[in-house]
Amino acid sequence: MEKINYKDYNLVSLGESSSIPIILKELNLSEHRYPFDWTTHIDELNNTNIYTNYYVLKELFSYNNIDENILDYVVNYYIGDALMDSKKVNEMNNIFFGHEKWYKEKDNYMENTFIKYKIQFLNLYNNIKEKKTIFFIVTRTNYIEKEDFIEINNLIKNINIENKIIFISGIDHIYFEDYNENNNNFIFKHIEYDITKYPDYDYTNFNKEIKNFLINLFNN
């Protein structure tokens, strides 16, 4: 497999968990904090946040430029009512903000969190527009249908034809056997996930294997 010079790219996680941000930080490759880094679907073993994250990315890049109104819409859609109570779940799209601390009575907490995500979405938009990007998709046992992956990939290429996707999954996606890896802008890697050992398996095995894969993939 051809090596990738990661220094030429933004590195952006599209979900479905915090595996990629954790690994990039361990490898000293984490330059920015983006809004999808630390969110999951509330039922993460049976559902994924990738489709919601894809929708938000598509919405952002339906505009040549974004303003306060667009950012307000995107952040309100993504966070919704998640910070209204300690469950930290947006009841509309089931995005779980597990890494956000919840303060019932802290002054301006919700307002400041919304501002934080507005800044992250703005940085995401600007950085992707200014530089080609590697988008990471990681799933444990959630299967991404071929038609859905093609739709995601088309968006990524429409933003910048030089963008890439690195898709790592604990479940095999055999439709990638139809592709010649040297002629596409994406890489698929199957790393087996033992669901019976969730969630510890993330840290004892899965993330370690992802990390080793990326070390071998990226040029130093």
Protein backbone atom coordinates (compact mmCIF):
# COMPACT_ATOMS: atom_id res chain seq x y z
CA MET A 1 0.00 0.00 0.00
CA GLU A 2 1.34 3.41 -0.97
CA LYS A 3 2.47 5.62 1.91
CA ILE A 4 0.66 8.90 2.56
CA ASN A 5 2.43 12.11 3.50
CA TYR A 6 0.04 13.21 6.24
CA LYS A 7 1.71 16.64 6.46
CA ASP A 8 0.02 17.57 3.18
CA TYR A 9 -3.47 17.10 4.67
CA ASN A 10 -5.92 18.20 7.28
CA LEU A 11 -6.86 15.23 9.44
CA VAL A 12 -10.58 15.11 10.23
CA SER A 13 -12.68 12.45 11.96
CA LEU A 14 -16.19 11.80 10.64
CA GLY A 15 -17.02 9.43 13.51
CA GLU A 16 -18.22 7.22 14.89
CA SER A 17 -16.28 7.48 18.12
CA SER A 18 -13.30 9.23 19.68
CA SER A 19 -10.78 6.60 18.49
CA ILE A 20 -9.20 8.77 15.81
CA PRO A 21 -8.81 11.95 17.93
CA ILE A 22 -7.24 9.87 20.70
CA ILE A 23 -4.82 8.15 18.31
CA LEU A 24 -3.89 11.34 16.46
CA LYS A 25 -3.12 12.97 19.79
CA GLU A 26 -0.92 10.03 20.80
CA LEU A 27 0.95 10.37 17.49
CA ASN A 28 1.30 14.14 17.91
CA LEU A 29 -0.75 14.70 14.76
CA SER A 30 -3.67 16.50 16.37
CA GLU A 31 -3.49 20.15 15.32
CA HIS A 32 -7.15 21.10 15.68
CA ARG A 33 -10.21 20.10 17.66
CA TYR A 34 -13.22 19.52 15.42
CA PRO A 35 -16.92 19.10 16.32
CA PHE A 36 -17.20 15.39 15.43
CA ASP A 37 -14.18 14.36 17.50
CA TRP A 38 -15.82 13.49 20.80
CA THR A 39 -19.42 12.64 19.95
CA THR A 40 -21.10 9.28 19.40
CA HIS A 41 -24.54 7.86 18.79
CA ILE A 42 -26.23 7.12 22.11
CA ASP A 43 -26.65 3.48 20.96
CA GLU A 44 -23.21 3.24 19.45
CA LEU A 45 -23.03 -0.55 19.07
CA ASN A 46 -26.21 -0.69 17.00
CA ASN A 47 -26.27 2.74 15.38
CA THR A 48 -23.76 5.29 14.16
CA ASN A 49 -23.41 9.06 14.15
CA ILE A 50 -21.68 8.99 10.77
CA TYR A 51 -24.86 9.70 8.81
CA THR A 52 -25.66 12.73 10.97
CA ASN A 53 -22.08 13.97 10.70
CA TYR A 54 -22.24 13.49 6.93
CA TYR A 55 -25.49 15.47 6.75
CA VAL A 56 -23.96 18.36 8.71
CA LEU A 57 -20.83 18.36 6.54
CA LYS A 58 -23.00 18.35 3.41
CA GLU A 59 -25.05 21.22 4.79
CA LEU A 60 -21.94 23.27 5.55
CA PHE A 61 -20.48 22.79 2.10
CA SER A 62 -23.71 23.61 0.30
CA TYR A 63 -22.61 27.23 0.81
CA ASN A 64 -19.67 28.99 -0.82
CA ASN A 65 -19.27 30.99 2.37
CA ILE A 66 -20.83 30.60 5.78
CA ASP A 67 -22.07 33.29 8.15
CA GLU A 68 -23.44 33.48 11.68
CA ASN A 69 -26.91 32.35 10.62
CA ILE A 70 -25.59 29.19 8.96
CA LEU A 71 -23.36 28.40 11.93
CA ASP A 72 -26.27 28.95 14.30
CA TYR A 73 -28.42 26.53 12.29
CA VAL A 74 -25.74 23.85 12.13
CA VAL A 75 -24.85 24.04 15.82
CA ASN A 76 -28.48 24.10 16.91
CA TYR A 77 -29.20 21.07 14.75
CA TYR A 78 -26.16 19.17 16.01
CA ILE A 79 -26.45 19.95 19.73
CA GLY A 80 -30.19 20.52 20.00
CA ASP A 81 -31.38 19.87 23.54
CA ALA A 82 -28.39 17.74 24.53
CA LEU A 83 -27.22 20.12 27.24
CA MET A 84 -30.61 20.54 28.88
CA ASP A 85 -29.96 17.72 31.34
CA SER A 86 -27.28 15.29 32.46
CA LYS A 87 -28.14 12.70 29.77
CA LYS A 88 -26.31 14.91 27.25
CA VAL A 89 -28.26 13.43 24.31
CA ASN A 90 -29.80 15.36 21.43
CA GLU A 91 -33.22 13.71 21.34
CA MET A 92 -33.73 14.66 17.68
CA ASN A 93 -30.66 12.97 16.18
CA ASN A 94 -29.43 10.81 19.14
CA ILE A 95 -25.99 12.41 19.19
CA PHE A 96 -24.40 11.84 22.58
CA PHE A 97 -22.03 14.48 23.97
CA GLY A 98 -20.41 12.22 26.52
CA HIS A 99 -17.21 14.24 26.78
CA GLU A 100 -19.02 17.47 27.64
CA LYS A 101 -19.32 18.26 31.31
CA TRP A 102 -22.83 19.19 32.39
CA TYR A 103 -23.37 22.01 34.84
CA LYS A 104 -26.95 22.44 35.94
CA GLU A 105 -26.48 25.89 37.39
CA LYS A 106 -23.27 27.20 35.90
CA ASP A 107 -23.72 30.67 34.42
CA ASN A 108 -23.59 30.82 30.61
CA TYR A 109 -22.55 27.17 30.31
CA MET A 110 -24.87 26.34 27.43
CA GLU A 111 -24.15 29.61 25.64
CA ASN A 112 -20.41 29.11 25.94
CA THR A 113 -20.64 25.51 24.72
CA PHE A 114 -22.63 26.59 21.68
CA ILE A 115 -20.00 29.26 20.95
CA LYS A 116 -17.27 26.63 21.27
CA TYR A 117 -18.96 24.42 18.69
CA LYS A 118 -19.55 27.37 16.37
CA ILE A 119 -15.82 28.04 16.42
CA GLN A 120 -15.06 24.36 15.77
CA PHE A 121 -17.47 24.19 12.83
CA LEU A 122 -16.05 27.41 11.39
CA ASN A 123 -12.51 26.06 11.70
CA LEU A 124 -13.62 22.78 10.14
CA TYR A 125 -15.13 24.61 7.17
CA ASN A 126 -12.20 26.98 6.61
CA ASN A 127 -9.48 24.37 7.03
CA ILE A 128 -11.16 21.94 4.63
CA LYS A 129 -11.62 24.70 2.06
CA GLU A 130 -8.01 25.81 2.31
CA LYS A 131 -6.23 22.45 2.26
CA LYS A 132 -6.87 18.91 1.06
CA THR A 133 -8.12 16.63 3.80
CA ILE A 134 -8.04 13.04 4.98
CA PHE A 135 -11.41 12.08 6.46
CA PHE A 136 -11.39 9.16 8.88
CA ILE A 137 -14.36 6.86 9.35
CA VAL A 138 -14.12 4.23 12.08
CA THR A 139 -16.88 1.77 12.97
CA ARG A 140 -16.80 -1.09 15.44
CA THR A 141 -19.65 -3.32 14.24
CA ASN A 142 -21.83 -0.90 12.26
CA TYR A 143 -22.02 -1.66 8.56
CA ILE A 144 -21.96 1.19 6.06
CA GLU A 145 -23.91 0.23 2.95
CA LYS A 146 -22.12 0.59 -0.37
CA GLU A 147 -24.59 3.19 -1.64
CA ASP A 148 -24.10 5.24 1.51
CA PHE A 149 -20.32 5.09 1.27
CA ILE A 150 -20.46 6.18 -2.37
CA GLU A 151 -22.62 9.16 -1.38
CA ILE A 152 -20.21 10.15 1.37
CA ASN A 153 -17.23 9.72 -0.94
CA ASN A 154 -18.84 11.80 -3.67
CA LEU A 155 -19.28 14.68 -1.24
CA ILE A 156 -15.66 14.39 -0.12
CA LYS A 157 -14.44 14.48 -3.74
CA ASN A 158 -16.76 17.34 -4.65
CA ILE A 159 -15.25 19.43 -1.88
CA ASN A 160 -11.74 18.71 -3.18
CA ILE A 161 -10.83 16.02 -5.69
CA GLU A 162 -7.58 15.42 -3.77
CA ASN A 163 -9.35 14.57 -0.52
CA LYS A 164 -9.07 11.04 0.84
CA ILE A 165 -11.07 8.74 3.10
CA ILE A 166 -9.50 6.20 5.44
CA PHE A 167 -12.26 3.82 6.49
CA ILE A 168 -11.45 1.39 9.30
CA SER A 169 -14.06 -1.07 10.50
CA GLY A 170 -14.36 -3.95 12.92
CA ILE A 171 -16.71 -5.61 10.42
CA ASP A 172 -15.68 -6.48 6.89
CA HIS A 173 -17.17 -4.58 3.96
CA ILE A 174 -16.67 -6.96 1.06
CA TYR A 175 -17.74 -4.46 -1.59
CA PHE A 176 -14.29 -2.89 -1.31
CA GLU A 177 -12.92 -6.01 -3.01
CA ASP A 178 -14.35 -4.58 -6.24
CA TYR A 179 -11.98 -1.62 -6.11
CA ASN A 180 -8.34 -1.26 -7.02
CA GLU A 181 -6.87 0.54 -4.02
CA ASN A 182 -4.32 2.38 -6.19
CA ASN A 183 -7.00 3.99 -8.34
CA ASN A 184 -9.20 5.47 -5.65
CA ASN A 185 -9.17 8.23 -3.09
CA PHE A 186 -10.05 5.90 -0.24
CA ILE A 187 -8.49 3.11 1.79
CA PHE A 188 -10.45 0.45 3.60
CA LYS A 189 -8.97 -1.54 6.47
CA HIS A 190 -10.76 -4.35 8.29
CA ILE A 191 -9.63 -4.80 11.89
CA GLU A 192 -11.70 -7.41 13.68
CA TYR A 193 -13.70 -6.14 16.67
CA ASP A 194 -14.72 -8.45 19.52
CA ILE A 195 -18.10 -7.08 20.57
CA THR A 196 -18.23 -9.39 23.59
CA LYS A 197 -15.39 -7.38 25.13
CA TYR A 198 -16.88 -3.92 24.52
CA PRO A 199 -15.97 -1.30 25.65
CA ASP A 200 -12.59 -2.44 27.01
CA TYR A 201 -11.67 -3.86 23.61
CA ASP A 202 -11.36 -0.31 22.28
CA TYR A 203 -8.33 0.26 24.46
CA THR A 204 -6.85 -3.22 24.81
CA ASN A 205 -6.88 -4.07 21.10
CA PHE A 206 -8.86 -2.04 18.58
CA ASN A 207 -7.30 1.39 19.02
CA LYS A 208 -3.82 -0.12 19.25
CA GLU A 209 -4.27 -1.90 15.92
CA ILE A 210 -5.64 1.25 14.31
CA LYS A 211 -2.65 3.18 15.62
CA ASN A 212 -0.17 0.64 14.19
CA PHE A 213 -1.98 0.70 10.86
CA LEU A 214 -1.73 4.50 10.66
CA ILE A 215 1.92 4.48 11.68
CA ASN A 216 2.66 2.12 8.79
CA LEU A 217 0.49 4.11 6.39
CA PHE A 218 1.86 7.56 7.07
CA ASN A 219 5.27 8.81 6.04
CA ASN A 220 7.28 10.10 8.99
